[in-house]
N, C-alpha and C. Protein backbone atom coordinates (compact mmCIF):
# COMPACT_ATOMS: atom_id res chain seq x y z
N UNK A 1 -34.42 20.36 -46.55
CA UNK A 1 -34.39 19.16 -45.76
C UNK A 1 -32.96 18.74 -45.43
N UNK A 2 -32.02 18.99 -46.34
CA UNK A 2 -30.63 18.65 -46.10
C UNK A 2 -30.07 19.42 -44.91
N UNK A 3 -30.46 20.67 -44.75
CA UNK A 3 -29.95 21.48 -43.66
C UNK A 3 -30.37 20.90 -42.32
N UNK A 4 -31.57 20.42 -42.21
CA UNK A 4 -32.05 19.83 -40.96
C UNK A 4 -31.23 18.60 -40.62
N UNK A 5 -30.97 17.75 -41.61
CA UNK A 5 -30.18 16.54 -41.39
C UNK A 5 -28.78 16.90 -40.90
N UNK A 6 -28.16 17.90 -41.51
CA UNK A 6 -26.81 18.31 -41.14
C UNK A 6 -26.79 18.84 -39.71
N UNK A 7 -27.83 19.55 -39.29
CA UNK A 7 -27.89 20.07 -37.94
C UNK A 7 -28.04 18.95 -36.91
N UNK A 8 -28.79 17.90 -37.23
CA UNK A 8 -29.03 16.82 -36.29
C UNK A 8 -27.93 15.78 -36.27
N UNK A 9 -27.13 15.71 -37.31
CA UNK A 9 -26.07 14.72 -37.37
C UNK A 9 -25.10 14.85 -36.19
N UNK A 10 -24.59 16.04 -35.85
CA UNK A 10 -23.69 16.14 -34.70
C UNK A 10 -24.36 15.70 -33.39
N UNK A 11 -25.63 16.01 -33.22
CA UNK A 11 -26.35 15.58 -32.02
C UNK A 11 -26.46 14.07 -31.97
N UNK A 12 -26.69 13.45 -33.10
CA UNK A 12 -26.78 12.00 -33.18
C UNK A 12 -25.45 11.36 -32.82
N UNK A 13 -24.36 11.91 -33.31
CA UNK A 13 -23.03 11.37 -33.01
C UNK A 13 -22.73 11.50 -31.52
N UNK A 14 -23.02 12.66 -30.93
CA UNK A 14 -22.78 12.86 -29.50
C UNK A 14 -23.64 11.90 -28.68
N UNK A 15 -24.90 11.75 -29.04
CA UNK A 15 -25.80 10.87 -28.30
C UNK A 15 -25.32 9.43 -28.35
N UNK A 16 -24.84 8.99 -29.51
CA UNK A 16 -24.34 7.61 -29.63
C UNK A 16 -23.09 7.42 -28.80
N UNK A 17 -22.25 8.43 -28.69
CA UNK A 17 -21.03 8.34 -27.91
C UNK A 17 -21.29 8.17 -26.43
N UNK A 18 -22.43 8.66 -25.95
CA UNK A 18 -22.77 8.55 -24.54
C UNK A 18 -23.44 7.23 -24.20
N UNK A 19 -23.82 6.46 -25.19
CA UNK A 19 -24.46 5.17 -24.97
C UNK A 19 -23.70 4.09 -25.73
N UNK A 20 -22.55 3.69 -25.19
CA UNK A 20 -21.75 2.71 -25.92
C UNK A 20 -22.45 1.36 -25.99
N UNK A 21 -22.04 0.59 -26.96
CA UNK A 21 -22.59 -0.75 -27.14
C UNK A 21 -22.17 -1.63 -25.96
N UNK A 22 -23.09 -2.45 -25.49
CA UNK A 22 -22.79 -3.38 -24.40
C UNK A 22 -22.06 -4.59 -24.99
N UNK A 23 -20.87 -4.84 -24.47
CA UNK A 23 -20.05 -5.96 -24.94
C UNK A 23 -20.47 -7.24 -24.24
N UNK A 24 -20.70 -7.14 -22.94
CA UNK A 24 -21.09 -8.30 -22.13
C UNK A 24 -21.88 -7.78 -20.94
N UNK A 25 -22.99 -8.43 -20.62
CA UNK A 25 -23.80 -8.03 -19.47
C UNK A 25 -23.47 -8.95 -18.30
N UNK A 26 -22.82 -8.40 -17.27
CA UNK A 26 -22.46 -9.17 -16.09
C UNK A 26 -23.40 -8.86 -14.93
N UNK A 27 -24.49 -8.14 -15.22
CA UNK A 27 -25.41 -7.71 -14.18
C UNK A 27 -26.10 -8.84 -13.45
N UNK A 28 -26.31 -9.96 -14.10
CA UNK A 28 -26.95 -11.11 -13.45
C UNK A 28 -25.93 -12.07 -12.84
N UNK A 29 -24.66 -11.80 -13.02
CA UNK A 29 -23.61 -12.67 -12.49
C UNK A 29 -23.40 -12.38 -11.00
N UNK A 30 -22.86 -13.35 -10.31
CA UNK A 30 -22.56 -13.18 -8.89
C UNK A 30 -21.39 -14.09 -8.54
N UNK A 31 -20.27 -13.50 -8.17
CA UNK A 31 -19.06 -14.25 -7.85
C UNK A 31 -18.67 -13.96 -6.41
N UNK A 32 -18.49 -15.01 -5.63
CA UNK A 32 -18.10 -14.87 -4.22
C UNK A 32 -16.59 -14.88 -4.14
N UNK A 33 -16.02 -13.72 -3.87
CA UNK A 33 -14.56 -13.55 -3.88
C UNK A 33 -14.10 -12.94 -2.56
N UNK A 34 -12.82 -12.67 -2.45
CA UNK A 34 -12.22 -12.10 -1.25
C UNK A 34 -11.30 -10.97 -1.70
N UNK A 35 -11.29 -9.87 -0.95
CA UNK A 35 -10.39 -8.77 -1.31
C UNK A 35 -9.07 -8.86 -0.56
N UNK A 36 -8.22 -7.88 -0.75
CA UNK A 36 -6.88 -7.87 -0.15
C UNK A 36 -6.92 -7.76 1.37
N UNK A 37 -8.06 -7.42 1.94
CA UNK A 37 -8.22 -7.34 3.40
C UNK A 37 -8.94 -8.57 3.95
N UNK A 38 -9.09 -9.60 3.12
CA UNK A 38 -9.79 -10.85 3.48
C UNK A 38 -11.28 -10.65 3.74
N UNK A 39 -11.84 -9.59 3.17
CA UNK A 39 -13.27 -9.32 3.28
C UNK A 39 -13.99 -9.99 2.12
N UNK A 40 -15.11 -10.65 2.43
CA UNK A 40 -15.92 -11.29 1.39
C UNK A 40 -16.49 -10.21 0.46
N UNK A 41 -16.38 -10.43 -0.82
CA UNK A 41 -16.90 -9.52 -1.85
C UNK A 41 -17.77 -10.32 -2.79
N UNK A 42 -18.96 -9.83 -3.03
CA UNK A 42 -19.79 -10.41 -4.08
C UNK A 42 -19.66 -9.49 -5.28
N UNK A 43 -19.04 -10.02 -6.32
CA UNK A 43 -18.80 -9.22 -7.53
C UNK A 43 -19.84 -9.57 -8.57
N UNK A 44 -20.46 -8.59 -9.21
CA UNK A 44 -20.26 -7.15 -9.11
C UNK A 44 -21.20 -6.45 -8.13
N UNK A 45 -22.04 -7.22 -7.44
CA UNK A 45 -23.09 -6.64 -6.58
C UNK A 45 -22.57 -5.61 -5.57
N UNK A 46 -21.43 -5.88 -4.96
CA UNK A 46 -20.93 -4.98 -3.92
C UNK A 46 -20.47 -3.63 -4.46
N UNK A 47 -20.39 -3.49 -5.78
CA UNK A 47 -20.01 -2.21 -6.39
C UNK A 47 -21.18 -1.60 -7.16
N UNK A 48 -22.37 -2.02 -6.82
CA UNK A 48 -23.58 -1.54 -7.50
C UNK A 48 -23.64 -0.01 -7.46
N UNK A 49 -24.03 0.57 -8.59
CA UNK A 49 -24.17 2.02 -8.69
C UNK A 49 -22.87 2.74 -8.99
N UNK A 50 -21.81 1.99 -9.25
CA UNK A 50 -20.53 2.60 -9.60
C UNK A 50 -20.06 2.07 -10.94
N UNK A 51 -19.27 2.86 -11.63
CA UNK A 51 -18.53 2.36 -12.77
C UNK A 51 -17.39 1.52 -12.22
N UNK A 52 -17.01 0.48 -12.94
CA UNK A 52 -15.90 -0.36 -12.52
C UNK A 52 -14.85 -0.36 -13.62
N UNK A 53 -13.63 -0.01 -13.25
CA UNK A 53 -12.48 -0.11 -14.16
C UNK A 53 -11.68 -1.30 -13.64
N UNK A 54 -11.59 -2.33 -14.47
CA UNK A 54 -11.09 -3.62 -13.99
C UNK A 54 -9.99 -4.18 -14.87
N UNK A 55 -8.92 -4.62 -14.22
CA UNK A 55 -7.83 -5.29 -14.91
C UNK A 55 -7.66 -6.69 -14.36
N UNK A 56 -6.90 -7.50 -15.06
CA UNK A 56 -6.70 -8.90 -14.68
C UNK A 56 -5.20 -9.17 -14.60
N UNK A 57 -4.76 -9.67 -13.44
CA UNK A 57 -3.34 -9.77 -13.16
C UNK A 57 -3.02 -11.03 -12.35
N UNK A 58 -1.73 -11.30 -12.19
CA UNK A 58 -1.26 -12.18 -11.12
C UNK A 58 0.06 -11.61 -10.63
N UNK A 59 0.31 -11.73 -9.34
CA UNK A 59 1.40 -11.00 -8.70
C UNK A 59 2.79 -11.53 -9.04
N UNK A 60 2.89 -12.74 -9.55
CA UNK A 60 4.19 -13.30 -9.92
C UNK A 60 4.49 -13.11 -11.40
N UNK A 61 3.72 -12.31 -12.06
CA UNK A 61 3.88 -12.08 -13.50
C UNK A 61 5.20 -11.36 -13.77
N UNK A 62 5.99 -11.86 -14.72
CA UNK A 62 7.27 -11.22 -15.01
C UNK A 62 7.19 -10.07 -16.01
N UNK A 63 5.98 -9.78 -16.54
CA UNK A 63 5.94 -8.73 -17.56
C UNK A 63 4.72 -7.82 -17.46
N UNK A 64 3.63 -8.09 -18.15
CA UNK A 64 2.58 -7.09 -18.36
C UNK A 64 1.67 -6.80 -17.17
N UNK A 65 1.61 -7.67 -16.18
CA UNK A 65 0.68 -7.42 -15.06
C UNK A 65 1.04 -6.16 -14.28
N UNK A 66 2.33 -5.91 -14.13
CA UNK A 66 2.72 -4.67 -13.44
C UNK A 66 2.31 -3.44 -14.26
N UNK A 67 2.36 -3.57 -15.59
CA UNK A 67 1.93 -2.46 -16.45
C UNK A 67 0.42 -2.25 -16.37
N UNK A 68 -0.33 -3.33 -16.31
CA UNK A 68 -1.79 -3.23 -16.16
C UNK A 68 -2.13 -2.55 -14.84
N UNK A 69 -1.49 -3.01 -13.76
CA UNK A 69 -1.75 -2.41 -12.44
C UNK A 69 -1.35 -0.94 -12.44
N UNK A 70 -0.20 -0.64 -13.01
CA UNK A 70 0.26 0.74 -13.09
C UNK A 70 -0.73 1.61 -13.87
N UNK A 71 -1.29 1.08 -14.95
CA UNK A 71 -2.28 1.84 -15.72
C UNK A 71 -3.55 2.08 -14.90
N UNK A 72 -3.99 1.09 -14.14
CA UNK A 72 -5.17 1.29 -13.29
C UNK A 72 -4.91 2.39 -12.27
N UNK A 73 -3.74 2.38 -11.65
CA UNK A 73 -3.39 3.40 -10.66
C UNK A 73 -3.31 4.78 -11.32
N UNK A 74 -2.72 4.85 -12.52
CA UNK A 74 -2.65 6.13 -13.24
C UNK A 74 -4.04 6.68 -13.55
N UNK A 75 -4.93 5.82 -14.01
CA UNK A 75 -6.29 6.25 -14.31
C UNK A 75 -6.94 6.82 -13.06
N UNK A 76 -6.81 6.09 -11.96
CA UNK A 76 -7.40 6.53 -10.70
C UNK A 76 -6.86 7.89 -10.28
N UNK A 77 -5.55 8.05 -10.32
CA UNK A 77 -4.94 9.31 -9.89
C UNK A 77 -5.28 10.46 -10.82
N UNK A 78 -5.22 10.21 -12.14
CA UNK A 78 -5.51 11.27 -13.10
C UNK A 78 -6.98 11.70 -13.05
N UNK A 79 -7.84 10.79 -12.60
CA UNK A 79 -9.26 11.15 -12.43
C UNK A 79 -9.52 11.74 -11.04
N UNK A 80 -8.48 11.87 -10.24
CA UNK A 80 -8.56 12.44 -8.90
C UNK A 80 -9.48 11.61 -7.98
N UNK A 81 -9.28 10.30 -8.01
CA UNK A 81 -9.97 9.37 -7.11
C UNK A 81 -11.49 9.57 -7.10
N UNK A 82 -12.13 9.37 -8.25
CA UNK A 82 -13.57 9.63 -8.33
C UNK A 82 -14.39 8.69 -7.45
N UNK A 83 -15.36 9.24 -6.77
CA UNK A 83 -16.21 8.44 -5.88
C UNK A 83 -17.16 7.51 -6.59
N UNK A 84 -17.46 7.78 -7.86
CA UNK A 84 -18.42 6.94 -8.58
C UNK A 84 -17.74 5.87 -9.43
N UNK A 85 -16.42 5.68 -9.22
CA UNK A 85 -15.68 4.67 -9.98
C UNK A 85 -14.93 3.77 -9.01
N UNK A 86 -15.11 2.47 -9.16
CA UNK A 86 -14.38 1.49 -8.37
C UNK A 86 -13.30 0.87 -9.24
N UNK A 87 -12.08 0.82 -8.75
CA UNK A 87 -10.97 0.22 -9.48
C UNK A 87 -10.73 -1.17 -8.92
N UNK A 88 -10.60 -2.15 -9.82
CA UNK A 88 -10.48 -3.55 -9.42
C UNK A 88 -9.37 -4.22 -10.22
N UNK A 89 -8.55 -4.98 -9.52
CA UNK A 89 -7.58 -5.87 -10.18
C UNK A 89 -7.90 -7.28 -9.68
N UNK A 90 -8.33 -8.14 -10.59
CA UNK A 90 -8.71 -9.50 -10.24
C UNK A 90 -7.58 -10.45 -10.63
N UNK A 91 -7.21 -11.31 -9.71
CA UNK A 91 -6.14 -12.27 -9.96
C UNK A 91 -6.71 -13.56 -10.53
N UNK A 92 -6.00 -14.15 -11.48
CA UNK A 92 -6.37 -15.46 -11.99
C UNK A 92 -5.38 -16.52 -11.50
N UNK A 93 -4.69 -16.23 -10.39
CA UNK A 93 -3.77 -17.18 -9.75
C UNK A 93 -4.16 -17.31 -8.28
N UNK A 94 -5.31 -17.94 -8.00
CA UNK A 94 -5.78 -17.99 -6.62
C UNK A 94 -4.89 -18.79 -5.68
N UNK A 95 -4.05 -19.67 -6.19
CA UNK A 95 -3.17 -20.46 -5.34
C UNK A 95 -2.13 -19.57 -4.66
N UNK A 96 -1.46 -18.72 -5.44
CA UNK A 96 -0.40 -17.87 -4.88
C UNK A 96 -0.90 -16.50 -4.47
N UNK A 97 -1.94 -16.01 -5.11
CA UNK A 97 -2.42 -14.65 -4.81
C UNK A 97 -3.44 -14.66 -3.69
N UNK A 98 -2.91 -14.86 -2.50
CA UNK A 98 -3.73 -14.80 -1.29
C UNK A 98 -4.04 -13.34 -0.99
N UNK A 99 -5.01 -13.08 -0.13
CA UNK A 99 -5.27 -11.68 0.22
C UNK A 99 -4.03 -10.94 0.72
N UNK A 100 -3.23 -11.57 1.56
CA UNK A 100 -2.03 -10.88 2.08
C UNK A 100 -1.02 -10.60 0.97
N UNK A 101 -0.86 -11.51 0.01
CA UNK A 101 0.04 -11.24 -1.11
C UNK A 101 -0.48 -10.12 -1.99
N UNK A 102 -1.80 -10.09 -2.19
CA UNK A 102 -2.38 -9.00 -2.98
C UNK A 102 -2.22 -7.66 -2.26
N UNK A 103 -2.34 -7.68 -0.94
CA UNK A 103 -2.17 -6.43 -0.18
C UNK A 103 -0.73 -5.91 -0.33
N UNK A 104 0.27 -6.80 -0.21
CA UNK A 104 1.67 -6.40 -0.39
C UNK A 104 1.89 -5.86 -1.80
N UNK A 105 1.33 -6.54 -2.78
CA UNK A 105 1.45 -6.11 -4.18
C UNK A 105 0.84 -4.72 -4.36
N UNK A 106 -0.35 -4.53 -3.82
CA UNK A 106 -1.01 -3.22 -3.91
C UNK A 106 -0.21 -2.12 -3.23
N UNK A 107 0.36 -2.43 -2.06
CA UNK A 107 1.17 -1.44 -1.35
C UNK A 107 2.38 -1.03 -2.17
N UNK A 108 2.97 -1.98 -2.90
CA UNK A 108 4.12 -1.66 -3.75
C UNK A 108 3.75 -0.66 -4.85
N UNK A 109 2.49 -0.66 -5.26
CA UNK A 109 2.02 0.28 -6.29
C UNK A 109 1.38 1.53 -5.69
N UNK A 110 1.31 1.60 -4.37
CA UNK A 110 0.73 2.76 -3.72
C UNK A 110 -0.77 2.90 -3.94
N UNK A 111 -1.47 1.75 -4.03
CA UNK A 111 -2.92 1.84 -4.24
C UNK A 111 -3.57 2.49 -3.04
N UNK A 112 -4.69 3.10 -3.30
CA UNK A 112 -5.37 3.91 -2.31
C UNK A 112 -6.82 3.47 -2.18
N UNK A 113 -7.62 4.35 -1.65
CA UNK A 113 -9.05 4.08 -1.50
C UNK A 113 -9.69 3.77 -2.85
N UNK A 114 -10.82 3.15 -2.81
CA UNK A 114 -11.62 2.68 -3.94
C UNK A 114 -10.82 1.88 -4.98
N UNK A 115 -9.83 1.11 -4.48
CA UNK A 115 -9.07 0.18 -5.31
C UNK A 115 -9.11 -1.17 -4.59
N UNK A 116 -9.62 -2.17 -5.28
CA UNK A 116 -9.80 -3.50 -4.68
C UNK A 116 -9.07 -4.55 -5.51
N UNK A 117 -8.36 -5.42 -4.82
CA UNK A 117 -7.79 -6.61 -5.45
C UNK A 117 -8.69 -7.78 -5.09
N UNK A 118 -8.96 -8.65 -6.04
CA UNK A 118 -9.86 -9.79 -5.80
C UNK A 118 -9.17 -11.11 -6.07
N UNK A 119 -9.47 -12.08 -5.23
CA UNK A 119 -9.05 -13.46 -5.40
C UNK A 119 -10.16 -14.31 -4.78
N UNK A 120 -9.92 -15.58 -4.62
CA UNK A 120 -10.93 -16.46 -4.03
C UNK A 120 -10.63 -17.90 -4.34
N UNK A 121 -11.63 -18.74 -4.13
CA UNK A 121 -11.38 -20.14 -4.49
C UNK A 121 -11.37 -20.26 -6.01
N UNK A 122 -10.67 -21.27 -6.49
CA UNK A 122 -10.43 -21.38 -7.93
C UNK A 122 -11.71 -21.48 -8.74
N UNK A 123 -12.74 -22.11 -8.22
CA UNK A 123 -14.01 -22.24 -8.95
C UNK A 123 -14.60 -20.86 -9.25
N UNK A 124 -14.65 -20.01 -8.23
CA UNK A 124 -15.21 -18.67 -8.40
C UNK A 124 -14.31 -17.78 -9.27
N UNK A 125 -13.01 -17.87 -9.05
CA UNK A 125 -12.06 -17.06 -9.83
C UNK A 125 -12.16 -17.41 -11.31
N UNK A 126 -12.15 -18.71 -11.62
CA UNK A 126 -12.19 -19.10 -13.03
C UNK A 126 -13.55 -18.84 -13.66
N UNK A 127 -14.62 -18.88 -12.87
CA UNK A 127 -15.94 -18.51 -13.40
C UNK A 127 -15.97 -17.03 -13.76
N UNK A 128 -15.36 -16.19 -12.91
CA UNK A 128 -15.27 -14.76 -13.23
C UNK A 128 -14.45 -14.55 -14.49
N UNK A 129 -13.33 -15.23 -14.61
CA UNK A 129 -12.48 -15.07 -15.79
C UNK A 129 -13.22 -15.50 -17.06
N UNK A 130 -13.97 -16.59 -16.99
CA UNK A 130 -14.75 -17.03 -18.15
C UNK A 130 -15.79 -15.98 -18.52
N UNK A 131 -16.46 -15.44 -17.52
CA UNK A 131 -17.49 -14.42 -17.77
C UNK A 131 -16.89 -13.17 -18.41
N UNK A 132 -15.68 -12.81 -18.00
CA UNK A 132 -15.01 -11.62 -18.54
C UNK A 132 -14.21 -11.93 -19.81
N UNK A 133 -14.24 -13.16 -20.25
CA UNK A 133 -13.52 -13.62 -21.44
C UNK A 133 -12.01 -13.38 -21.31
N UNK A 134 -11.50 -13.67 -20.12
CA UNK A 134 -10.06 -13.60 -19.87
C UNK A 134 -9.53 -15.02 -19.91
N UNK A 135 -8.53 -15.24 -20.73
CA UNK A 135 -7.95 -16.57 -20.89
C UNK A 135 -6.60 -16.61 -20.20
N UNK A 136 -6.32 -17.73 -19.56
CA UNK A 136 -5.01 -17.92 -18.94
C UNK A 136 -4.63 -19.40 -19.04
N UNK A 137 -3.33 -19.62 -19.11
CA UNK A 137 -2.82 -20.99 -19.22
C UNK A 137 -1.41 -21.02 -18.67
N UNK A 138 -1.14 -22.00 -17.83
CA UNK A 138 0.21 -22.16 -17.30
C UNK A 138 1.13 -22.45 -18.48
N UNK A 139 2.20 -21.66 -18.59
CA UNK A 139 3.09 -21.80 -19.74
C UNK A 139 4.45 -22.40 -19.40
N UNK A 140 4.82 -22.35 -18.13
CA UNK A 140 6.12 -22.87 -17.72
C UNK A 140 5.99 -23.34 -16.29
N UNK A 141 6.46 -24.53 -16.02
CA UNK A 141 6.45 -25.07 -14.66
C UNK A 141 7.80 -25.70 -14.38
N UNK A 142 8.30 -25.44 -13.17
CA UNK A 142 9.56 -26.03 -12.76
C UNK A 142 9.56 -26.17 -11.25
N UNK A 143 10.17 -27.22 -10.77
CA UNK A 143 10.30 -27.39 -9.33
C UNK A 143 11.63 -26.78 -8.90
N UNK A 144 11.59 -25.95 -7.86
CA UNK A 144 12.81 -25.33 -7.35
C UNK A 144 13.59 -26.33 -6.50
N UNK A 145 14.80 -25.98 -6.12
CA UNK A 145 15.63 -26.85 -5.28
C UNK A 145 14.96 -27.16 -3.95
N UNK A 146 14.16 -26.22 -3.46
CA UNK A 146 13.48 -26.43 -2.18
C UNK A 146 12.21 -27.28 -2.33
N UNK A 147 11.86 -27.63 -3.56
CA UNK A 147 10.69 -28.46 -3.80
C UNK A 147 9.42 -27.69 -4.11
N UNK A 148 9.52 -26.36 -4.10
CA UNK A 148 8.36 -25.54 -4.42
C UNK A 148 8.14 -25.52 -5.93
N UNK A 149 6.87 -25.37 -6.32
CA UNK A 149 6.56 -25.30 -7.74
C UNK A 149 6.62 -23.85 -8.22
N UNK A 150 7.38 -23.64 -9.26
CA UNK A 150 7.49 -22.32 -9.89
C UNK A 150 6.77 -22.40 -11.23
N UNK A 151 5.87 -21.46 -11.49
CA UNK A 151 5.18 -21.47 -12.77
C UNK A 151 4.85 -20.06 -13.21
N UNK A 152 4.70 -19.91 -14.52
CA UNK A 152 4.28 -18.65 -15.13
C UNK A 152 3.03 -18.91 -15.95
N UNK A 153 2.26 -17.85 -16.17
CA UNK A 153 0.96 -17.98 -16.83
C UNK A 153 0.90 -17.04 -18.02
N UNK A 154 0.56 -17.58 -19.19
CA UNK A 154 0.20 -16.74 -20.34
C UNK A 154 -1.25 -16.33 -20.14
N UNK A 155 -1.58 -15.08 -20.48
CA UNK A 155 -2.94 -14.62 -20.18
C UNK A 155 -3.34 -13.45 -21.07
N UNK A 156 -4.63 -13.17 -21.05
CA UNK A 156 -5.18 -12.01 -21.76
C UNK A 156 -4.62 -10.73 -21.15
N UNK A 157 -4.46 -9.73 -21.99
CA UNK A 157 -4.00 -8.41 -21.59
C UNK A 157 -5.22 -7.49 -21.68
N UNK A 158 -5.88 -7.27 -20.54
CA UNK A 158 -7.16 -6.57 -20.64
C UNK A 158 -7.44 -5.66 -19.45
N UNK A 159 -7.96 -4.48 -19.77
CA UNK A 159 -8.66 -3.62 -18.83
C UNK A 159 -10.02 -3.41 -19.44
N UNK A 160 -11.06 -3.52 -18.62
CA UNK A 160 -12.41 -3.28 -19.12
C UNK A 160 -13.14 -2.32 -18.19
N UNK A 161 -14.15 -1.66 -18.74
CA UNK A 161 -14.98 -0.74 -17.97
C UNK A 161 -16.41 -1.28 -17.97
N UNK A 162 -16.96 -1.38 -16.76
CA UNK A 162 -18.36 -1.77 -16.60
C UNK A 162 -19.15 -0.53 -16.21
N UNK A 163 -20.36 -0.42 -16.74
CA UNK A 163 -21.21 0.71 -16.37
C UNK A 163 -21.87 0.43 -15.02
N UNK A 164 -22.74 1.32 -14.59
CA UNK A 164 -23.37 1.19 -13.27
C UNK A 164 -24.34 0.02 -13.17
N UNK A 165 -24.66 -0.59 -14.29
CA UNK A 165 -25.51 -1.79 -14.30
C UNK A 165 -24.67 -3.06 -14.51
N UNK A 166 -23.37 -2.96 -14.32
CA UNK A 166 -22.42 -4.07 -14.45
C UNK A 166 -22.39 -4.66 -15.86
N UNK A 167 -22.52 -3.78 -16.85
CA UNK A 167 -22.38 -4.21 -18.24
C UNK A 167 -21.03 -3.73 -18.75
N UNK A 168 -20.29 -4.63 -19.39
CA UNK A 168 -19.00 -4.26 -19.97
C UNK A 168 -19.27 -3.38 -21.18
N UNK A 169 -18.74 -2.15 -21.13
CA UNK A 169 -18.99 -1.20 -22.22
C UNK A 169 -17.72 -0.81 -22.98
N UNK A 170 -16.56 -1.03 -22.37
CA UNK A 170 -15.30 -0.74 -23.05
C UNK A 170 -14.28 -1.81 -22.68
N UNK A 171 -13.41 -2.15 -23.63
CA UNK A 171 -12.30 -3.06 -23.38
C UNK A 171 -11.05 -2.50 -24.06
N UNK A 172 -9.90 -2.70 -23.42
CA UNK A 172 -8.64 -2.16 -23.91
C UNK A 172 -7.53 -3.18 -23.69
N UNK A 173 -6.45 -3.06 -24.44
CA UNK A 173 -5.22 -3.79 -24.14
C UNK A 173 -4.64 -3.16 -22.89
N UNK A 174 -4.67 -3.85 -21.78
CA UNK A 174 -4.40 -3.26 -20.47
C UNK A 174 -3.00 -2.74 -20.23
N UNK A 175 -2.01 -3.26 -20.94
CA UNK A 175 -0.63 -2.86 -20.65
C UNK A 175 -0.11 -1.74 -21.55
N UNK A 176 -0.91 -1.27 -22.47
CA UNK A 176 -0.46 -0.26 -23.43
C UNK A 176 -0.31 1.11 -22.75
N UNK A 177 0.73 1.87 -23.05
CA UNK A 177 0.99 3.14 -22.36
C UNK A 177 -0.09 4.21 -22.57
N UNK A 178 -0.80 4.17 -23.67
CA UNK A 178 -1.79 5.22 -23.93
C UNK A 178 -3.16 4.90 -23.33
N UNK A 179 -3.30 3.76 -22.69
CA UNK A 179 -4.59 3.32 -22.17
C UNK A 179 -5.19 4.27 -21.13
N UNK A 180 -4.42 4.78 -20.16
CA UNK A 180 -5.06 5.68 -19.19
C UNK A 180 -5.83 6.83 -19.83
N UNK A 181 -5.24 7.50 -20.80
CA UNK A 181 -5.94 8.63 -21.42
C UNK A 181 -7.19 8.18 -22.16
N UNK A 182 -7.14 7.01 -22.81
CA UNK A 182 -8.32 6.50 -23.52
C UNK A 182 -9.44 6.14 -22.56
N UNK A 183 -9.09 5.47 -21.47
CA UNK A 183 -10.11 5.08 -20.47
C UNK A 183 -10.75 6.33 -19.88
N UNK A 184 -9.94 7.30 -19.51
CA UNK A 184 -10.47 8.53 -18.91
C UNK A 184 -11.39 9.24 -19.90
N UNK A 185 -10.98 9.34 -21.14
CA UNK A 185 -11.81 10.00 -22.16
C UNK A 185 -13.14 9.27 -22.32
N UNK A 186 -13.10 7.94 -22.43
CA UNK A 186 -14.33 7.17 -22.61
C UNK A 186 -15.23 7.24 -21.37
N UNK A 187 -14.63 7.15 -20.18
CA UNK A 187 -15.43 7.24 -18.95
C UNK A 187 -16.09 8.60 -18.81
N UNK A 188 -15.35 9.64 -19.14
CA UNK A 188 -15.93 10.99 -19.03
C UNK A 188 -17.09 11.19 -20.00
N UNK A 189 -17.07 10.50 -21.13
CA UNK A 189 -18.19 10.59 -22.08
C UNK A 189 -19.46 9.98 -21.50
N UNK A 190 -19.32 8.86 -20.80
CA UNK A 190 -20.52 8.20 -20.28
C UNK A 190 -20.93 8.68 -18.89
N UNK A 191 -20.01 9.28 -18.17
CA UNK A 191 -20.33 9.80 -16.83
C UNK A 191 -21.08 11.10 -16.96
């Protein structure tokens, strides 16, 4: 009887690896947002049937947001632009991150097809952030000489993967250098 158990144990481990635990089910959620081309996007419905690799950023971030975006781009390129995966960077700064600003930001990183930046009105943006358990808080505010408000935001450092049913199945520290290889490895297990 022990031999049978030993033979099935590797199969059990492999089977469990292909069905990760659901962290959060966003399948019933619906957020009305706008992409970098000013096109209306209903998230996650408009990406139905695809895996979603998603990071959370703001374009005026002085530190980790560029690393998160860079990691998303690396994952996309190293996976050779897979058709069944949608890459998303959602902004939690809807005041400054207009579609045109997101487009300029994306161009600076050389984003390509199947990569979407999302923003929208603050109610929808913050509802998405709450659903994804992304926290943000203005940490510094100052008025410039021209009268414009300058501010920075402390925020969660996160990249997450949603399965084809819009369930969050993996979460990572988004700015860490080893994240692309981990995301690719985990995605390839479930794909």
